[in-house]
Amino acid sequence: MRPWFRRKFAVSDVIEYVIWLRESAVFVADAPPLEDWLTARFADPDDAYLIALAKEYRADYLVTGDRGLLGMSGLLASATLDLRGLAVLTPRDFVRQALPAEI
């Protein structure tokens, strides 16, 4: 474990979280890419890939530390993407809001 994580989390907590994530995660195939004109609206083209996956598989959460994605709520809720149900959260907010209390 990296030193930063060692200062913040007990190894047992990390292992428990990874087990929960492996048991709860849904693995999917790649999604079709977004249209070029829509991809151009992203500051980082790699972000469009994540949004395409979220759209294709109707994700509930996108957990990221990327400030660009965290600030895109207007575009995500637009009629163009219609991802109003997608919560883009920092890892900290995800742990606070979305994880079961026992994790």
N, C-alpha and C. Protein backbone atom coordinates (compact mmCIF):
# COMPACT_ATOMS: atom_id res chain seq x y z
N MET A 1 0.85 -1.17 0.00
CA MET A 1 0.00 0.00 0.00
C MET A 1 0.90 1.24 0.00
N ARG A 2 0.50 2.24 -0.72
CA ARG A 2 1.28 3.47 -0.78
C ARG A 2 1.27 4.18 0.57
N PRO A 3 2.34 4.93 0.87
CA PRO A 3 2.43 5.59 2.17
C PRO A 3 1.23 6.49 2.49
N TRP A 4 0.73 7.21 1.51
CA TRP A 4 -0.42 8.10 1.76
C TRP A 4 -1.61 7.30 2.28
N PHE A 5 -1.87 6.15 1.66
CA PHE A 5 -2.99 5.32 2.08
C PHE A 5 -2.74 4.72 3.46
N ARG A 6 -1.49 4.37 3.73
CA ARG A 6 -1.16 3.80 5.05
C ARG A 6 -1.46 4.78 6.17
N ARG A 7 -1.25 6.06 5.91
CA ARG A 7 -1.54 7.07 6.94
C ARG A 7 -3.03 7.28 7.13
N LYS A 8 -3.82 7.02 6.12
CA LYS A 8 -5.26 7.31 6.15
C LYS A 8 -6.13 6.11 6.53
N PHE A 9 -5.70 4.92 6.14
CA PHE A 9 -6.55 3.74 6.27
C PHE A 9 -5.78 2.58 6.88
N ALA A 10 -6.48 1.78 7.66
CA ALA A 10 -5.91 0.52 8.15
C ALA A 10 -5.93 -0.47 7.00
N VAL A 11 -4.94 -1.33 6.94
CA VAL A 11 -4.85 -2.33 5.88
C VAL A 11 -6.12 -3.18 5.87
N SER A 12 -6.62 -3.54 7.04
CA SER A 12 -7.82 -4.37 7.11
C SER A 12 -9.02 -3.67 6.48
N ASP A 13 -9.13 -2.34 6.64
CA ASP A 13 -10.23 -1.59 6.03
C ASP A 13 -10.12 -1.60 4.50
N VAL A 14 -8.91 -1.46 4.01
CA VAL A 14 -8.70 -1.47 2.56
C VAL A 14 -9.04 -2.84 1.99
N ILE A 15 -8.61 -3.89 2.65
CA ILE A 15 -8.91 -5.24 2.18
C ILE A 15 -10.42 -5.47 2.18
N GLU A 16 -11.09 -5.05 3.23
CA GLU A 16 -12.55 -5.21 3.30
C GLU A 16 -13.24 -4.45 2.17
N TYR A 17 -12.78 -3.23 1.89
CA TYR A 17 -13.36 -2.43 0.81
C TYR A 17 -13.13 -3.10 -0.55
N VAL A 18 -11.92 -3.60 -0.79
CA VAL A 18 -11.62 -4.25 -2.06
C VAL A 18 -12.48 -5.50 -2.24
N ILE A 19 -12.67 -6.25 -1.19
CA ILE A 19 -13.54 -7.43 -1.26
C ILE A 19 -14.96 -7.01 -1.60
N TRP A 20 -15.46 -5.98 -0.92
CA TRP A 20 -16.81 -5.48 -1.21
C TRP A 20 -16.91 -5.05 -2.66
N LEU A 21 -15.92 -4.31 -3.13
CA LEU A 21 -15.93 -3.81 -4.50
C LEU A 21 -15.93 -4.97 -5.50
N ARG A 22 -15.10 -5.96 -5.29
CA ARG A 22 -15.05 -7.11 -6.20
C ARG A 22 -16.37 -7.87 -6.22
N GLU A 23 -17.02 -7.98 -5.08
CA GLU A 23 -18.29 -8.70 -5.01
C GLU A 23 -19.45 -7.89 -5.58
N SER A 24 -19.36 -6.57 -5.50
CA SER A 24 -20.47 -5.71 -5.90
C SER A 24 -20.36 -5.15 -7.30
N ALA A 25 -19.15 -5.10 -7.83
CA ALA A 25 -18.93 -4.46 -9.13
C ALA A 25 -19.56 -5.27 -10.26
N VAL A 26 -19.95 -4.56 -11.29
CA VAL A 26 -20.45 -5.19 -12.51
C VAL A 26 -19.44 -4.87 -13.60
N PHE A 27 -18.86 -5.91 -14.17
CA PHE A 27 -17.88 -5.73 -15.22
C PHE A 27 -18.59 -5.71 -16.56
N VAL A 28 -18.23 -4.75 -17.41
CA VAL A 28 -18.94 -4.55 -18.68
C VAL A 28 -17.94 -4.46 -19.83
N ALA A 29 -18.46 -4.66 -21.02
CA ALA A 29 -17.65 -4.47 -22.23
C ALA A 29 -17.56 -2.97 -22.54
N ASP A 30 -16.66 -2.62 -23.42
CA ASP A 30 -16.56 -1.22 -23.83
C ASP A 30 -17.87 -0.73 -24.42
N ALA A 31 -18.12 0.53 -24.21
CA ALA A 31 -19.31 1.17 -24.77
C ALA A 31 -18.96 1.80 -26.11
N PRO A 32 -19.96 1.99 -26.96
CA PRO A 32 -19.68 2.72 -28.20
C PRO A 32 -19.25 4.14 -27.85
N PRO A 33 -18.34 4.71 -28.61
CA PRO A 33 -17.86 6.06 -28.29
C PRO A 33 -18.97 7.10 -28.49
N LEU A 34 -18.83 8.20 -27.76
CA LEU A 34 -19.73 9.33 -27.95
C LEU A 34 -19.42 9.96 -29.31
N GLU A 35 -20.38 10.70 -29.84
CA GLU A 35 -20.16 11.39 -31.10
C GLU A 35 -19.03 12.42 -30.93
N ASP A 36 -18.30 12.67 -32.03
CA ASP A 36 -17.15 13.59 -31.97
C ASP A 36 -17.53 14.97 -31.46
N TRP A 37 -18.68 15.50 -31.89
CA TRP A 37 -19.05 16.85 -31.48
C TRP A 37 -19.29 16.90 -29.97
N LEU A 38 -19.72 15.79 -29.40
CA LEU A 38 -19.96 15.75 -27.96
C LEU A 38 -18.65 15.55 -27.21
N THR A 39 -17.80 14.70 -27.74
CA THR A 39 -16.49 14.49 -27.13
C THR A 39 -15.70 15.79 -27.07
N ALA A 40 -15.88 16.64 -28.07
CA ALA A 40 -15.17 17.92 -28.11
C ALA A 40 -15.54 18.84 -26.95
N ARG A 41 -16.65 18.58 -26.29
CA ARG A 41 -17.08 19.42 -25.15
C ARG A 41 -16.32 19.09 -23.87
N PHE A 42 -15.55 18.01 -23.88
CA PHE A 42 -14.78 17.60 -22.71
C PHE A 42 -13.38 18.18 -22.79
N ALA A 43 -12.89 18.73 -21.69
CA ALA A 43 -11.53 19.26 -21.66
C ALA A 43 -10.52 18.13 -21.87
N ASP A 44 -10.83 16.97 -21.34
CA ASP A 44 -9.97 15.80 -21.49
C ASP A 44 -10.74 14.74 -22.28
N PRO A 45 -10.30 14.41 -23.49
CA PRO A 45 -11.03 13.44 -24.30
C PRO A 45 -11.21 12.08 -23.62
N ASP A 46 -10.30 11.72 -22.72
CA ASP A 46 -10.45 10.45 -22.01
C ASP A 46 -11.68 10.44 -21.11
N ASP A 47 -12.14 11.62 -20.68
CA ASP A 47 -13.35 11.69 -19.86
C ASP A 47 -14.58 11.24 -20.63
N ALA A 48 -14.59 11.48 -21.93
CA ALA A 48 -15.73 11.08 -22.76
C ALA A 48 -15.92 9.57 -22.73
N TYR A 49 -14.83 8.84 -22.66
CA TYR A 49 -14.89 7.38 -22.59
C TYR A 49 -15.64 6.94 -21.33
N LEU A 50 -15.34 7.56 -20.20
CA LEU A 50 -16.01 7.21 -18.95
C LEU A 50 -17.49 7.57 -18.99
N ILE A 51 -17.80 8.71 -19.57
CA ILE A 51 -19.20 9.13 -19.69
C ILE A 51 -19.95 8.19 -20.63
N ALA A 52 -19.31 7.77 -21.70
CA ALA A 52 -19.95 6.82 -22.63
C ALA A 52 -20.27 5.52 -21.91
N LEU A 53 -19.35 5.03 -21.09
CA LEU A 53 -19.62 3.82 -20.31
C LEU A 53 -20.78 4.04 -19.34
N ALA A 54 -20.76 5.16 -18.65
CA ALA A 54 -21.84 5.46 -17.69
C ALA A 54 -23.19 5.53 -18.39
N LYS A 55 -23.21 6.13 -19.57
CA LYS A 55 -24.46 6.26 -20.32
C LYS A 55 -24.94 4.89 -20.83
N GLU A 56 -24.05 4.14 -21.43
CA GLU A 56 -24.40 2.85 -22.01
C GLU A 56 -24.95 1.88 -20.96
N TYR A 57 -24.34 1.89 -19.79
CA TYR A 57 -24.71 0.91 -18.77
C TYR A 57 -25.54 1.51 -17.63
N ARG A 58 -26.00 2.75 -17.84
CA ARG A 58 -26.87 3.42 -16.86
C ARG A 58 -26.30 3.36 -15.45
N ALA A 59 -25.07 3.81 -15.32
CA ALA A 59 -24.38 3.79 -14.04
C ALA A 59 -25.07 4.71 -13.03
N ASP A 60 -25.02 4.32 -11.80
CA ASP A 60 -25.54 5.16 -10.72
C ASP A 60 -24.47 6.13 -10.23
N TYR A 61 -23.21 5.67 -10.26
CA TYR A 61 -22.10 6.47 -9.71
C TYR A 61 -20.92 6.46 -10.66
N LEU A 62 -20.23 7.59 -10.68
CA LEU A 62 -18.92 7.70 -11.30
C LEU A 62 -18.03 8.29 -10.21
N VAL A 63 -17.11 7.49 -9.72
CA VAL A 63 -16.25 7.90 -8.62
C VAL A 63 -14.92 8.35 -9.20
N THR A 64 -14.56 9.60 -8.92
CA THR A 64 -13.38 10.18 -9.53
C THR A 64 -12.84 11.33 -8.68
N GLY A 65 -11.57 11.58 -8.86
CA GLY A 65 -10.97 12.77 -8.28
C GLY A 65 -10.73 13.82 -9.34
N ASP A 66 -11.13 13.53 -10.57
CA ASP A 66 -10.93 14.43 -11.71
C ASP A 66 -11.84 15.64 -11.59
N ARG A 67 -11.24 16.80 -11.44
CA ARG A 67 -12.03 18.04 -11.26
C ARG A 67 -12.89 18.36 -12.48
N GLY A 68 -12.39 18.01 -13.66
CA GLY A 68 -13.17 18.25 -14.87
C GLY A 68 -14.48 17.49 -14.86
N LEU A 69 -14.41 16.21 -14.52
CA LEU A 69 -15.63 15.40 -14.45
C LEU A 69 -16.53 15.85 -13.30
N LEU A 70 -15.93 16.19 -12.18
CA LEU A 70 -16.72 16.61 -11.03
C LEU A 70 -17.50 17.89 -11.33
N GLY A 71 -17.00 18.70 -12.23
CA GLY A 71 -17.66 19.96 -12.56
C GLY A 71 -18.59 19.91 -13.76
N MET A 72 -18.92 18.73 -14.25
CA MET A 72 -19.71 18.62 -15.48
C MET A 72 -21.18 18.31 -15.24
N SER A 73 -21.71 18.60 -14.09
CA SER A 73 -23.09 18.22 -13.79
C SER A 73 -24.09 18.82 -14.77
N GLY A 74 -23.82 20.03 -15.26
CA GLY A 74 -24.73 20.66 -16.22
C GLY A 74 -24.83 19.87 -17.52
N LEU A 75 -23.70 19.47 -18.06
CA LEU A 75 -23.69 18.68 -19.30
C LEU A 75 -24.31 17.31 -19.07
N LEU A 76 -24.01 16.70 -17.94
CA LEU A 76 -24.52 15.36 -17.68
C LEU A 76 -26.03 15.34 -17.55
N ALA A 77 -26.60 16.40 -17.00
CA ALA A 77 -28.05 16.47 -16.82
C ALA A 77 -28.76 17.01 -18.06
N SER A 78 -28.02 17.44 -19.06
CA SER A 78 -28.64 18.00 -20.26
C SER A 78 -29.40 16.93 -21.04
N ALA A 79 -30.30 17.37 -21.87
CA ALA A 79 -31.07 16.45 -22.71
C ALA A 79 -30.15 15.69 -23.67
N THR A 80 -29.00 16.28 -23.99
CA THR A 80 -28.06 15.64 -24.91
C THR A 80 -27.57 14.31 -24.34
N LEU A 81 -27.19 14.30 -23.09
CA LEU A 81 -26.68 13.07 -22.48
C LEU A 81 -27.72 12.37 -21.62
N ASP A 82 -28.59 13.12 -21.00
CA ASP A 82 -29.64 12.58 -20.14
C ASP A 82 -29.08 11.59 -19.11
N LEU A 83 -28.13 12.08 -18.34
CA LEU A 83 -27.54 11.28 -17.27
C LEU A 83 -27.90 11.88 -15.91
N ARG A 84 -29.14 12.34 -15.78
CA ARG A 84 -29.56 12.99 -14.53
C ARG A 84 -29.41 12.09 -13.32
N GLY A 85 -29.50 10.78 -13.50
CA GLY A 85 -29.39 9.87 -12.37
C GLY A 85 -27.96 9.51 -11.99
N LEU A 86 -26.99 10.00 -12.76
CA LEU A 86 -25.59 9.69 -12.50
C LEU A 86 -25.03 10.64 -11.46
N ALA A 87 -24.54 10.08 -10.36
CA ALA A 87 -23.88 10.90 -9.35
C ALA A 87 -22.37 10.82 -9.58
N VAL A 88 -21.76 11.96 -9.85
CA VAL A 88 -20.31 12.03 -10.00
C VAL A 88 -19.76 12.48 -8.66
N LEU A 89 -19.05 11.57 -7.99
CA LEU A 89 -18.63 11.81 -6.62
C LEU A 89 -17.12 11.61 -6.46
N THR A 90 -16.56 12.34 -5.51
CA THR A 90 -15.19 12.06 -5.12
C THR A 90 -15.20 10.74 -4.34
N PRO A 91 -14.06 10.08 -4.24
CA PRO A 91 -14.04 8.85 -3.45
C PRO A 91 -14.55 9.08 -2.02
N ARG A 92 -14.18 10.18 -1.42
CA ARG A 92 -14.62 10.48 -0.05
C ARG A 92 -16.14 10.59 0.01
N ASP A 93 -16.73 11.33 -0.92
CA ASP A 93 -18.19 11.48 -0.92
C ASP A 93 -18.89 10.16 -1.22
N PHE A 94 -18.28 9.35 -2.07
CA PHE A 94 -18.86 8.03 -2.36
C PHE A 94 -18.91 7.19 -1.10
N VAL A 95 -17.82 7.17 -0.36
CA VAL A 95 -17.77 6.39 0.88
C VAL A 95 -18.83 6.90 1.85
N ARG A 96 -18.99 8.20 1.94
CA ARG A 96 -19.96 8.79 2.87
C ARG A 96 -21.41 8.56 2.44
N GLN A 97 -21.69 8.66 1.15
CA GLN A 97 -23.07 8.64 0.68
C GLN A 97 -23.56 7.30 0.16
N ALA A 98 -22.69 6.53 -0.43
CA ALA A 98 -23.17 5.38 -1.19
C ALA A 98 -22.85 4.03 -0.60
N LEU A 99 -21.79 3.93 0.17
CA LEU A 99 -21.41 2.63 0.70
C LEU A 99 -22.31 2.22 1.85
N PRO A 100 -22.56 0.93 1.96
CA PRO A 100 -23.32 0.46 3.12
C PRO A 100 -22.58 0.81 4.40
N ALA A 101 -23.29 1.03 5.47
CA ALA A 101 -22.71 1.45 6.74
C ALA A 101 -21.72 0.44 7.28
N GLU A 102 -21.88 -0.83 6.96
CA GLU A 102 -20.99 -1.84 7.52
C GLU A 102 -19.64 -1.89 6.84
N ILE A 103 -19.46 -1.18 5.74
CA ILE A 103 -18.16 -1.19 5.05
C ILE A 103 -17.25 -0.18 5.69
